mmCIF file of all heavy atoms, coordinates in Angstrom:
data_MODEL
# 
_entry.id   MODEL 
# 
loop_
_atom_site.group_PDB 
_atom_site.id 
_atom_site.type_symbol 
_atom_site.label_atom_id 
_atom_site.label_alt_id 
_atom_site.label_comp_id 
_atom_site.label_asym_id 
_atom_site.label_entity_id 
_atom_site.label_seq_id 
_atom_site.pdbx_PDB_ins_code 
_atom_site.Cartn_x 
_atom_site.Cartn_y 
_atom_site.Cartn_z 
_atom_site.occupancy 
_atom_site.B_iso_or_equiv 
_atom_site.pdbx_formal_charge 
_atom_site.auth_seq_id 
_atom_site.auth_comp_id 
_atom_site.auth_asym_id 
_atom_site.auth_atom_id 
_atom_site.pdbx_PDB_model_num 
ATOM 1   N N   . VAL A 1 1  ? 40.402 16.798 25.720 1.00 0.00 ? 1  VAL A N   1 
ATOM 2   C CA  . VAL A 1 1  ? 41.134 17.688 24.832 1.00 0.00 ? 1  VAL A CA  1 
ATOM 3   C C   . VAL A 1 1  ? 41.060 17.207 23.390 1.00 0.00 ? 1  VAL A C   1 
ATOM 4   O O   . VAL A 1 1  ? 40.632 17.941 22.501 1.00 0.00 ? 1  VAL A O   1 
ATOM 5   C CB  . VAL A 1 1  ? 42.609 17.826 25.257 1.00 0.00 ? 1  VAL A CB  1 
ATOM 6   C CG1 . VAL A 1 1  ? 43.383 18.680 24.247 1.00 0.00 ? 1  VAL A CG1 1 
ATOM 7   C CG2 . VAL A 1 1  ? 42.707 18.434 26.653 1.00 0.00 ? 1  VAL A CG2 1 
ATOM 8   N N   . ALA A 1 2  ? 41.497 15.977 23.147 1.00 0.00 ? 2  ALA A N   1 
ATOM 9   C CA  . ALA A 1 2  ? 41.537 15.451 21.789 1.00 0.00 ? 2  ALA A CA  1 
ATOM 10  C C   . ALA A 1 2  ? 41.613 13.936 21.823 1.00 0.00 ? 2  ALA A C   1 
ATOM 11  O O   . ALA A 1 2  ? 42.085 13.346 22.788 1.00 0.00 ? 2  ALA A O   1 
ATOM 12  C CB  . ALA A 1 2  ? 42.734 16.021 21.021 1.00 0.00 ? 2  ALA A CB  1 
ATOM 13  N N   . ALA A 1 3  ? 41.167 13.318 20.747 1.00 0.00 ? 3  ALA A N   1 
ATOM 14  C CA  . ALA A 1 3  ? 41.243 11.869 20.614 1.00 0.00 ? 3  ALA A CA  1 
ATOM 15  C C   . ALA A 1 3  ? 41.473 11.502 19.161 1.00 0.00 ? 3  ALA A C   1 
ATOM 16  O O   . ALA A 1 3  ? 41.160 12.277 18.253 1.00 0.00 ? 3  ALA A O   1 
ATOM 17  C CB  . ALA A 1 3  ? 39.965 11.203 21.128 1.00 0.00 ? 3  ALA A CB  1 
ATOM 18  N N   . ILE A 1 4  ? 42.006 10.314 18.951 1.00 0.00 ? 4  ILE A N   1 
ATOM 19  C CA  . ILE A 1 4  ? 42.285 9.838  17.608 1.00 0.00 ? 4  ILE A CA  1 
ATOM 20  C C   . ILE A 1 4  ? 42.018 8.344  17.532 1.00 0.00 ? 4  ILE A C   1 
ATOM 21  O O   . ILE A 1 4  ? 42.308 7.600  18.464 1.00 0.00 ? 4  ILE A O   1 
ATOM 22  C CB  . ILE A 1 4  ? 43.738 10.169 17.198 1.00 0.00 ? 4  ILE A CB  1 
ATOM 23  C CG1 . ILE A 1 4  ? 43.986 9.829  15.724 1.00 0.00 ? 4  ILE A CG1 1 
ATOM 24  C CG2 . ILE A 1 4  ? 44.739 9.444  18.098 1.00 0.00 ? 4  ILE A CG2 1 
ATOM 25  C CD1 . ILE A 1 4  ? 45.307 10.382 15.189 1.00 0.00 ? 4  ILE A CD1 1 
ATOM 26  N N   . SER A 1 5  ? 41.439 7.916  16.423 1.00 0.00 ? 5  SER A N   1 
ATOM 27  C CA  . SER A 1 5  ? 41.192 6.497  16.225 1.00 0.00 ? 5  SER A CA  1 
ATOM 28  C C   . SER A 1 5  ? 42.501 5.758  16.022 1.00 0.00 ? 5  SER A C   1 
ATOM 29  O O   . SER A 1 5  ? 43.542 6.358  15.730 1.00 0.00 ? 5  SER A O   1 
ATOM 30  C CB  . SER A 1 5  ? 40.268 6.286  15.026 1.00 0.00 ? 5  SER A CB  1 
ATOM 31  O OG  . SER A 1 5  ? 40.882 6.737  13.830 1.00 0.00 ? 5  SER A OG  1 
ATOM 32  N N   . TRP A 1 6  ? 42.459 4.436  16.154 1.00 0.00 ? 6  TRP A N   1 
ATOM 33  C CA  . TRP A 1 6  ? 43.679 3.650  16.002 1.00 0.00 ? 6  TRP A CA  1 
ATOM 34  C C   . TRP A 1 6  ? 44.310 3.874  14.639 1.00 0.00 ? 6  TRP A C   1 
ATOM 35  O O   . TRP A 1 6  ? 45.538 3.989  14.527 1.00 0.00 ? 6  TRP A O   1 
ATOM 36  C CB  . TRP A 1 6  ? 43.376 2.167  16.213 1.00 0.00 ? 6  TRP A CB  1 
ATOM 37  C CG  . TRP A 1 6  ? 44.585 1.310  16.026 1.00 0.00 ? 6  TRP A CG  1 
ATOM 38  C CD1 . TRP A 1 6  ? 45.524 0.985  16.960 1.00 0.00 ? 6  TRP A CD1 1 
ATOM 39  C CD2 . TRP A 1 6  ? 45.004 0.671  14.815 1.00 0.00 ? 6  TRP A CD2 1 
ATOM 40  N NE1 . TRP A 1 6  ? 46.493 0.185  16.412 1.00 0.00 ? 6  TRP A NE1 1 
ATOM 41  C CE2 . TRP A 1 6  ? 46.207 -0.030 15.095 1.00 0.00 ? 6  TRP A CE2 1 
ATOM 42  C CE3 . TRP A 1 6  ? 44.478 0.621  13.514 1.00 0.00 ? 6  TRP A CE3 1 
ATOM 43  C CZ2 . TRP A 1 6  ? 46.878 -0.763 14.119 1.00 0.00 ? 6  TRP A CZ2 1 
ATOM 44  C CZ3 . TRP A 1 6  ? 45.161 -0.109 12.550 1.00 0.00 ? 6  TRP A CZ3 1 
ATOM 45  C CH2 . TRP A 1 6  ? 46.337 -0.788 12.861 1.00 0.00 ? 6  TRP A CH2 1 
ATOM 46  N N   . SER A 1 7  ? 43.507 3.920  13.605 1.00 0.00 ? 7  SER A N   1 
ATOM 47  C CA  . SER A 1 7  ? 44.025 4.092  12.251 1.00 0.00 ? 7  SER A CA  1 
ATOM 48  C C   . SER A 1 7  ? 44.492 5.511  11.969 1.00 0.00 ? 7  SER A C   1 
ATOM 49  O O   . SER A 1 7  ? 45.198 5.748  10.989 1.00 0.00 ? 7  SER A O   1 
ATOM 50  C CB  . SER A 1 7  ? 42.962 3.699  11.234 1.00 0.00 ? 7  SER A CB  1 
ATOM 51  O OG  . SER A 1 7  ? 41.871 4.600  11.267 1.00 0.00 ? 7  SER A OG  1 
ATOM 52  N N   . GLY A 1 8  ? 44.079 6.436  12.787 1.00 0.00 ? 8  GLY A N   1 
ATOM 53  C CA  . GLY A 1 8  ? 44.400 7.829  12.561 1.00 0.00 ? 8  GLY A CA  1 
ATOM 54  C C   . GLY A 1 8  ? 43.446 8.526  11.617 1.00 0.00 ? 8  GLY A C   1 
ATOM 55  O O   . GLY A 1 8  ? 43.629 9.712  11.318 1.00 0.00 ? 8  GLY A O   1 
ATOM 56  N N   . GLY A 1 9  ? 42.424 7.821  11.165 1.00 0.00 ? 9  GLY A N   1 
ATOM 57  C CA  . GLY A 1 9  ? 41.504 8.377  10.197 1.00 0.00 ? 9  GLY A CA  1 
ATOM 58  C C   . GLY A 1 9  ? 40.474 9.327  10.774 1.00 0.00 ? 9  GLY A C   1 
ATOM 59  O O   . GLY A 1 9  ? 39.870 10.098 10.027 1.00 0.00 ? 9  GLY A O   1 
ATOM 60  N N   . SER A 1 10 ? 40.266 9.271  12.073 1.00 0.00 ? 10 SER A N   1 
ATOM 61  C CA  . SER A 1 10 ? 39.275 10.126 12.718 1.00 0.00 ? 10 SER A CA  1 
ATOM 62  C C   . SER A 1 10 ? 39.899 10.818 13.909 1.00 0.00 ? 10 SER A C   1 
ATOM 63  O O   . SER A 1 10 ? 40.572 10.182 14.721 1.00 0.00 ? 10 SER A O   1 
ATOM 64  C CB  . SER A 1 10 ? 38.070 9.302  13.171 1.00 0.00 ? 10 SER A CB  1 
ATOM 65  O OG  . SER A 1 10 ? 37.435 8.677  12.066 1.00 0.00 ? 10 SER A OG  1 
ATOM 66  N N   . THR A 1 11 ? 39.658 12.103 14.015 1.00 0.00 ? 11 THR A N   1 
ATOM 67  C CA  . THR A 1 11 ? 40.137 12.882 15.147 1.00 0.00 ? 11 THR A CA  1 
ATOM 68  C C   . THR A 1 11 ? 39.006 13.697 15.732 1.00 0.00 ? 11 THR A C   1 
ATOM 69  O O   . THR A 1 11 ? 38.056 14.048 15.038 1.00 0.00 ? 11 THR A O   1 
ATOM 70  C CB  . THR A 1 11 ? 41.291 13.815 14.748 1.00 0.00 ? 11 THR A CB  1 
ATOM 71  O OG1 . THR A 1 11 ? 40.854 14.682 13.688 1.00 0.00 ? 11 THR A OG1 1 
ATOM 72  C CG2 . THR A 1 11 ? 42.493 13.012 14.270 1.00 0.00 ? 11 THR A CG2 1 
ATOM 73  N N   . TYR A 1 12 ? 39.131 14.015 17.007 1.00 0.00 ? 12 TYR A N   1 
ATOM 74  C CA  . TYR A 1 12 ? 38.107 14.756 17.723 1.00 0.00 ? 12 TYR A CA  1 
ATOM 75  C C   . TYR A 1 12 ? 38.787 15.764 18.638 1.00 0.00 ? 12 TYR A C   1 
ATOM 76  O O   . TYR A 1 12 ? 39.806 15.469 19.259 1.00 0.00 ? 12 TYR A O   1 
ATOM 77  C CB  . TYR A 1 12 ? 37.224 13.811 18.541 1.00 0.00 ? 12 TYR A CB  1 
ATOM 78  C CG  . TYR A 1 12 ? 36.722 12.627 17.750 1.00 0.00 ? 12 TYR A CG  1 
ATOM 79  C CD1 . TYR A 1 12 ? 37.472 11.457 17.676 1.00 0.00 ? 12 TYR A CD1 1 
ATOM 80  C CD2 . TYR A 1 12 ? 35.509 12.685 17.074 1.00 0.00 ? 12 TYR A CD2 1 
ATOM 81  C CE1 . TYR A 1 12 ? 37.024 10.371 16.937 1.00 0.00 ? 12 TYR A CE1 1 
ATOM 82  C CE2 . TYR A 1 12 ? 35.054 11.603 16.336 1.00 0.00 ? 12 TYR A CE2 1 
ATOM 83  C CZ  . TYR A 1 12 ? 35.813 10.452 16.270 1.00 0.00 ? 12 TYR A CZ  1 
ATOM 84  O OH  . TYR A 1 12 ? 35.363 9.382  15.539 1.00 0.00 ? 12 TYR A OH  1 
ATOM 85  N N   . TYR A 1 13 ? 38.198 16.955 18.735 1.00 0.00 ? 13 TYR A N   1 
ATOM 86  C CA  . TYR A 1 13 ? 38.788 18.010 19.528 1.00 0.00 ? 13 TYR A CA  1 
ATOM 87  C C   . TYR A 1 13 ? 37.747 18.734 20.356 1.00 0.00 ? 13 TYR A C   1 
ATOM 88  O O   . TYR A 1 13 ? 36.600 18.904 19.935 1.00 0.00 ? 13 TYR A O   1 
ATOM 89  C CB  . TYR A 1 13 ? 39.477 19.041 18.636 1.00 0.00 ? 13 TYR A CB  1 
ATOM 90  C CG  . TYR A 1 13 ? 40.611 18.492 17.820 1.00 0.00 ? 13 TYR A CG  1 
ATOM 91  C CD1 . TYR A 1 13 ? 40.406 18.046 16.519 1.00 0.00 ? 13 TYR A CD1 1 
ATOM 92  C CD2 . TYR A 1 13 ? 41.897 18.423 18.349 1.00 0.00 ? 13 TYR A CD2 1 
ATOM 93  C CE1 . TYR A 1 13 ? 41.455 17.547 15.762 1.00 0.00 ? 13 TYR A CE1 1 
ATOM 94  C CE2 . TYR A 1 13 ? 42.952 17.921 17.592 1.00 0.00 ? 13 TYR A CE2 1 
ATOM 95  C CZ  . TYR A 1 13 ? 42.722 17.484 16.309 1.00 0.00 ? 13 TYR A CZ  1 
ATOM 96  O OH  . TYR A 1 13 ? 43.765 16.986 15.563 1.00 0.00 ? 13 TYR A OH  1 
ATOM 97  N N   . ALA A 1 14 ? 38.165 19.166 21.523 1.00 0.00 ? 14 ALA A N   1 
ATOM 98  C CA  . ALA A 1 14 ? 37.335 20.071 22.293 1.00 0.00 ? 14 ALA A CA  1 
ATOM 99  C C   . ALA A 1 14 ? 37.270 21.412 21.579 1.00 0.00 ? 14 ALA A C   1 
ATOM 100 O O   . ALA A 1 14 ? 38.224 21.819 20.912 1.00 0.00 ? 14 ALA A O   1 
ATOM 101 C CB  . ALA A 1 14 ? 37.905 20.249 23.696 1.00 0.00 ? 14 ALA A CB  1 
ATOM 102 N N   . ASP A 1 15 ? 36.153 22.100 21.720 1.00 0.00 ? 15 ASP A N   1 
ATOM 103 C CA  . ASP A 1 15 ? 35.994 23.383 21.047 1.00 0.00 ? 15 ASP A CA  1 
ATOM 104 C C   . ASP A 1 15 ? 37.084 24.377 21.436 1.00 0.00 ? 15 ASP A C   1 
ATOM 105 O O   . ASP A 1 15 ? 37.504 25.196 20.618 1.00 0.00 ? 15 ASP A O   1 
ATOM 106 C CB  . ASP A 1 15 ? 34.621 23.979 21.363 1.00 0.00 ? 15 ASP A CB  1 
ATOM 107 C CG  . ASP A 1 15 ? 33.490 23.234 20.688 1.00 0.00 ? 15 ASP A CG  1 
ATOM 108 O OD1 . ASP A 1 15 ? 33.746 22.502 19.717 1.00 0.00 ? 15 ASP A OD1 1 
ATOM 109 O OD2 . ASP A 1 15 ? 32.339 23.391 21.131 1.00 0.00 ? 15 ASP A OD2 1 
ATOM 110 N N   . SER A 1 16 ? 37.552 24.288 22.650 1.00 0.00 ? 16 SER A N   1 
ATOM 111 C CA  . SER A 1 16 ? 38.531 25.244 23.145 1.00 0.00 ? 16 SER A CA  1 
ATOM 112 C C   . SER A 1 16 ? 39.895 25.125 22.477 1.00 0.00 ? 16 SER A C   1 
ATOM 113 O O   . SER A 1 16 ? 40.701 26.055 22.554 1.00 0.00 ? 16 SER A O   1 
ATOM 114 C CB  . SER A 1 16 ? 38.685 25.100 24.659 1.00 0.00 ? 16 SER A CB  1 
ATOM 115 O OG  . SER A 1 16 ? 39.117 23.797 24.997 1.00 0.00 ? 16 SER A OG  1 
ATOM 116 N N   . VAL A 1 17 ? 40.164 23.991 21.830 1.00 0.00 ? 17 VAL A N   1 
ATOM 117 C CA  . VAL A 1 17 ? 41.480 23.789 21.222 1.00 0.00 ? 17 VAL A CA  1 
ATOM 118 C C   . VAL A 1 17 ? 41.426 23.606 19.719 1.00 0.00 ? 17 VAL A C   1 
ATOM 119 O O   . VAL A 1 17 ? 42.482 23.495 19.076 1.00 0.00 ? 17 VAL A O   1 
ATOM 120 C CB  . VAL A 1 17 ? 42.215 22.589 21.853 1.00 0.00 ? 17 VAL A CB  1 
ATOM 121 C CG1 . VAL A 1 17 ? 42.301 22.751 23.364 1.00 0.00 ? 17 VAL A CG1 1 
ATOM 122 C CG2 . VAL A 1 17 ? 41.530 21.275 21.496 1.00 0.00 ? 17 VAL A CG2 1 
ATOM 123 N N   . LYS A 1 18 ? 40.253 23.592 19.133 1.00 0.00 ? 18 LYS A N   1 
ATOM 124 C CA  . LYS A 1 18 ? 40.132 23.425 17.685 1.00 0.00 ? 18 LYS A CA  1 
ATOM 125 C C   . LYS A 1 18 ? 40.881 24.534 16.956 1.00 0.00 ? 18 LYS A C   1 
ATOM 126 O O   . LYS A 1 18 ? 40.781 25.702 17.301 1.00 0.00 ? 18 LYS A O   1 
ATOM 127 C CB  . LYS A 1 18 ? 38.665 23.430 17.266 1.00 0.00 ? 18 LYS A CB  1 
ATOM 128 C CG  . LYS A 1 18 ? 37.925 22.149 17.576 1.00 0.00 ? 18 LYS A CG  1 
ATOM 129 C CD  . LYS A 1 18 ? 36.490 22.207 17.077 1.00 0.00 ? 18 LYS A CD  1 
ATOM 130 C CE  . LYS A 1 18 ? 35.753 20.918 17.345 1.00 0.00 ? 18 LYS A CE  1 
ATOM 131 N NZ  . LYS A 1 18 ? 34.344 20.976 16.897 1.00 0.00 ? 18 LYS A NZ  1 
ATOM 132 N N   . GLY A 1 19 ? 41.627 24.134 15.952 1.00 0.00 ? 19 GLY A N   1 
ATOM 133 C CA  . GLY A 1 19 ? 42.401 25.086 15.178 1.00 0.00 ? 19 GLY A CA  1 
ATOM 134 C C   . GLY A 1 19 ? 43.758 25.395 15.755 1.00 0.00 ? 19 GLY A C   1 
ATOM 135 O O   . GLY A 1 19 ? 44.583 26.026 15.087 1.00 0.00 ? 19 GLY A O   1 
ATOM 136 N N   . ARG A 1 20 ? 44.004 24.965 16.990 1.00 0.00 ? 20 ARG A N   1 
ATOM 137 C CA  . ARG A 1 20 ? 45.286 25.221 17.638 1.00 0.00 ? 20 ARG A CA  1 
ATOM 138 C C   . ARG A 1 20 ? 46.059 23.936 17.936 1.00 0.00 ? 20 ARG A C   1 
ATOM 139 O O   . ARG A 1 20 ? 47.281 23.928 17.864 1.00 0.00 ? 20 ARG A O   1 
ATOM 140 C CB  . ARG A 1 20 ? 45.088 25.996 18.938 1.00 0.00 ? 20 ARG A CB  1 
ATOM 141 C CG  . ARG A 1 20 ? 44.432 27.361 18.750 1.00 0.00 ? 20 ARG A CG  1 
ATOM 142 C CD  . ARG A 1 20 ? 44.462 28.174 20.037 1.00 0.00 ? 20 ARG A CD  1 
ATOM 143 N NE  . ARG A 1 20 ? 43.715 27.518 21.113 1.00 0.00 ? 20 ARG A NE  1 
ATOM 144 C CZ  . ARG A 1 20 ? 44.250 27.144 22.277 1.00 0.00 ? 20 ARG A CZ  1 
ATOM 145 N NH1 . ARG A 1 20 ? 45.542 27.351 22.512 1.00 0.00 ? 20 ARG A NH1 1 
ATOM 146 N NH2 . ARG A 1 20 ? 43.497 26.572 23.207 1.00 0.00 ? 20 ARG A NH2 1 
ATOM 147 N N   . PHE A 1 21 ? 45.345 22.885 18.288 1.00 0.00 ? 21 PHE A N   1 
ATOM 148 C CA  . PHE A 1 21 ? 45.974 21.613 18.643 1.00 0.00 ? 21 PHE A CA  1 
ATOM 149 C C   . PHE A 1 21 ? 45.749 20.595 17.536 1.00 0.00 ? 21 PHE A C   1 
ATOM 150 O O   . PHE A 1 21 ? 44.704 20.590 16.879 1.00 0.00 ? 21 PHE A O   1 
ATOM 151 C CB  . PHE A 1 21 ? 45.388 21.054 19.935 1.00 0.00 ? 21 PHE A CB  1 
ATOM 152 C CG  . PHE A 1 21 ? 45.733 21.828 21.176 1.00 0.00 ? 21 PHE A CG  1 
ATOM 153 C CD1 . PHE A 1 21 ? 46.331 23.074 21.114 1.00 0.00 ? 21 PHE A CD1 1 
ATOM 154 C CD2 . PHE A 1 21 ? 45.435 21.292 22.421 1.00 0.00 ? 21 PHE A CD2 1 
ATOM 155 C CE1 . PHE A 1 21 ? 46.633 23.783 22.266 1.00 0.00 ? 21 PHE A CE1 1 
ATOM 156 C CE2 . PHE A 1 21 ? 45.738 21.989 23.580 1.00 0.00 ? 21 PHE A CE2 1 
ATOM 157 C CZ  . PHE A 1 21 ? 46.335 23.230 23.505 1.00 0.00 ? 21 PHE A CZ  1 
ATOM 158 N N   . THR A 1 22 ? 46.712 19.705 17.365 1.00 0.00 ? 22 THR A N   1 
ATOM 159 C CA  . THR A 1 22 ? 46.598 18.622 16.403 1.00 0.00 ? 22 THR A CA  1 
ATOM 160 C C   . THR A 1 22 ? 47.055 17.320 17.043 1.00 0.00 ? 22 THR A C   1 
ATOM 161 O O   . THR A 1 22 ? 48.158 17.252 17.586 1.00 0.00 ? 22 THR A O   1 
ATOM 162 C CB  . THR A 1 22 ? 47.437 18.887 15.146 1.00 0.00 ? 22 THR A CB  1 
ATOM 163 O OG1 . THR A 1 22 ? 47.030 20.115 14.537 1.00 0.00 ? 22 THR A OG1 1 
ATOM 164 C CG2 . THR A 1 22 ? 47.257 17.752 14.139 1.00 0.00 ? 22 THR A CG2 1 
ATOM 165 N N   . ILE A 1 23 ? 46.207 16.307 16.979 1.00 0.00 ? 23 ILE A N   1 
ATOM 166 C CA  . ILE A 1 23 ? 46.559 15.003 17.514 1.00 0.00 ? 23 ILE A CA  1 
ATOM 167 C C   . ILE A 1 23 ? 46.932 14.076 16.364 1.00 0.00 ? 23 ILE A C   1 
ATOM 168 O O   . ILE A 1 23 ? 46.329 14.124 15.289 1.00 0.00 ? 23 ILE A O   1 
ATOM 169 C CB  . ILE A 1 23 ? 45.409 14.414 18.356 1.00 0.00 ? 23 ILE A CB  1 
ATOM 170 C CG1 . ILE A 1 23 ? 45.863 13.136 19.074 1.00 0.00 ? 23 ILE A CG1 1 
ATOM 171 C CG2 . ILE A 1 23 ? 44.170 14.156 17.504 1.00 0.00 ? 23 ILE A CG2 1 
ATOM 172 C CD1 . ILE A 1 23 ? 44.856 12.630 20.104 1.00 0.00 ? 23 ILE A CD1 1 
ATOM 173 N N   . SER A 1 24 ? 47.935 13.249 16.579 1.00 0.00 ? 24 SER A N   1 
ATOM 174 C CA  . SER A 1 24 ? 48.369 12.292 15.580 1.00 0.00 ? 24 SER A CA  1 
ATOM 175 C C   . SER A 1 24 ? 48.943 11.078 16.292 1.00 0.00 ? 24 SER A C   1 
ATOM 176 O O   . SER A 1 24 ? 49.126 11.087 17.507 1.00 0.00 ? 24 SER A O   1 
ATOM 177 C CB  . SER A 1 24 ? 49.409 12.908 14.636 1.00 0.00 ? 24 SER A CB  1 
ATOM 178 O OG  . SER A 1 24 ? 50.569 13.308 15.344 1.00 0.00 ? 24 SER A OG  1 
ATOM 179 N N   . ARG A 1 25 ? 49.224 10.031 15.528 1.00 0.00 ? 25 ARG A N   1 
ATOM 180 C CA  . ARG A 1 25 ? 49.792 8.840  16.146 1.00 0.00 ? 25 ARG A CA  1 
ATOM 181 C C   . ARG A 1 25 ? 50.693 8.079  15.194 1.00 0.00 ? 25 ARG A C   1 
ATOM 182 O O   . ARG A 1 25 ? 50.562 8.170  13.964 1.00 0.00 ? 25 ARG A O   1 
ATOM 183 C CB  . ARG A 1 25 ? 48.683 7.925  16.683 1.00 0.00 ? 25 ARG A CB  1 
ATOM 184 C CG  . ARG A 1 25 ? 47.837 7.254  15.608 1.00 0.00 ? 25 ARG A CG  1 
ATOM 185 C CD  . ARG A 1 25 ? 46.770 6.376  16.246 1.00 0.00 ? 25 ARG A CD  1 
ATOM 186 N NE  . ARG A 1 25 ? 47.351 5.318  17.068 1.00 0.00 ? 25 ARG A NE  1 
ATOM 187 C CZ  . ARG A 1 25 ? 46.670 4.599  17.963 1.00 0.00 ? 25 ARG A CZ  1 
ATOM 188 N NH1 . ARG A 1 25 ? 45.387 4.839  18.163 1.00 0.00 ? 25 ARG A NH1 1 
ATOM 189 N NH2 . ARG A 1 25 ? 47.292 3.653  18.655 1.00 0.00 ? 25 ARG A NH2 1 
ATOM 190 N N   . ASP A 1 26 ? 51.611 7.345  15.782 1.00 0.00 ? 26 ASP A N   1 
ATOM 191 C CA  . ASP A 1 26 ? 52.478 6.416  15.072 1.00 0.00 ? 26 ASP A CA  1 
ATOM 192 C C   . ASP A 1 26 ? 52.065 5.033  15.550 1.00 0.00 ? 26 ASP A C   1 
ATOM 193 O O   . ASP A 1 26 ? 52.419 4.623  16.653 1.00 0.00 ? 26 ASP A O   1 
ATOM 194 C CB  . ASP A 1 26 ? 53.941 6.706  15.392 1.00 0.00 ? 26 ASP A CB  1 
ATOM 195 C CG  . ASP A 1 26 ? 54.894 5.829  14.606 1.00 0.00 ? 26 ASP A CG  1 
ATOM 196 O OD1 . ASP A 1 26 ? 54.545 4.689  14.264 1.00 0.00 ? 26 ASP A OD1 1 
ATOM 197 O OD2 . ASP A 1 26 ? 56.022 6.294  14.330 1.00 0.00 ? 26 ASP A OD2 1 
ATOM 198 N N   . VAL A 1 27 ? 51.303 4.337  14.728 1.00 0.00 ? 27 VAL A N   1 
ATOM 199 C CA  . VAL A 1 27 ? 50.743 3.057  15.131 1.00 0.00 ? 27 VAL A CA  1 
ATOM 200 C C   . VAL A 1 27 ? 51.837 2.036  15.442 1.00 0.00 ? 27 VAL A C   1 
ATOM 201 O O   . VAL A 1 27 ? 51.757 1.301  16.427 1.00 0.00 ? 27 VAL A O   1 
ATOM 202 C CB  . VAL A 1 27 ? 49.798 2.512  14.040 1.00 0.00 ? 27 VAL A CB  1 
ATOM 203 C CG1 . VAL A 1 27 ? 49.286 1.125  14.427 1.00 0.00 ? 27 VAL A CG1 1 
ATOM 204 C CG2 . VAL A 1 27 ? 48.640 3.464  13.827 1.00 0.00 ? 27 VAL A CG2 1 
ATOM 205 N N   . GLY A 1 28 ? 52.840 1.970  14.594 1.00 0.00 ? 28 GLY A N   1 
ATOM 206 C CA  . GLY A 1 28 ? 53.906 0.998  14.782 1.00 0.00 ? 28 GLY A CA  1 
ATOM 207 C C   . GLY A 1 28 ? 54.665 1.175  16.080 1.00 0.00 ? 28 GLY A C   1 
ATOM 208 O O   . GLY A 1 28 ? 55.194 0.202  16.632 1.00 0.00 ? 28 GLY A O   1 
ATOM 209 N N   . ARG A 1 29 ? 54.729 2.383  16.575 1.00 0.00 ? 29 ARG A N   1 
ATOM 210 C CA  . ARG A 1 29 ? 55.438 2.667  17.816 1.00 0.00 ? 29 ARG A CA  1 
ATOM 211 C C   . ARG A 1 29 ? 54.498 2.829  19.003 1.00 0.00 ? 29 ARG A C   1 
ATOM 212 O O   . ARG A 1 29 ? 54.956 3.124  20.102 1.00 0.00 ? 29 ARG A O   1 
ATOM 213 C CB  . ARG A 1 29 ? 56.276 3.934  17.653 1.00 0.00 ? 29 ARG A CB  1 
ATOM 214 C CG  . ARG A 1 29 ? 57.379 3.811  16.616 1.00 0.00 ? 29 ARG A CG  1 
ATOM 215 C CD  . ARG A 1 29 ? 57.935 5.161  16.235 1.00 0.00 ? 29 ARG A CD  1 
ATOM 216 N NE  . ARG A 1 29 ? 58.423 5.891  17.388 1.00 0.00 ? 29 ARG A NE  1 
ATOM 217 C CZ  . ARG A 1 29 ? 58.721 7.188  17.383 1.00 0.00 ? 29 ARG A CZ  1 
ATOM 218 N NH1 . ARG A 1 29 ? 58.581 7.887  16.268 1.00 0.00 ? 29 ARG A NH1 1 
ATOM 219 N NH2 . ARG A 1 29 ? 59.157 7.770  18.490 1.00 0.00 ? 29 ARG A NH2 1 
ATOM 220 N N   . ASN A 1 30 ? 53.196 2.637  18.784 1.00 0.00 ? 30 ASN A N   1 
ATOM 221 C CA  . ASN A 1 30 ? 52.202 2.816  19.845 1.00 0.00 ? 30 ASN A CA  1 
ATOM 222 C C   . ASN A 1 30 ? 52.372 4.156  20.551 1.00 0.00 ? 30 ASN A C   1 
ATOM 223 O O   . ASN A 1 30 ? 52.374 4.242  21.786 1.00 0.00 ? 30 ASN A O   1 
ATOM 224 C CB  . ASN A 1 30 ? 52.280 1.671  20.865 1.00 0.00 ? 30 ASN A CB  1 
ATOM 225 C CG  . ASN A 1 30 ? 51.713 0.376  20.330 1.00 0.00 ? 30 ASN A CG  1 
ATOM 226 O OD1 . ASN A 1 30 ? 50.828 0.376  19.471 1.00 0.00 ? 30 ASN A OD1 1 
ATOM 227 N ND2 . ASN A 1 30 ? 52.214 -0.740 20.842 1.00 0.00 ? 30 ASN A ND2 1 
# 
């Protein structure tokens, strides 16, 4: 579905969810 680098600088999405889903992360809280 989606992936994100540890830093949050790079994200990747499946074509089926692009434009609808957003992945993010809080590094300090894992």
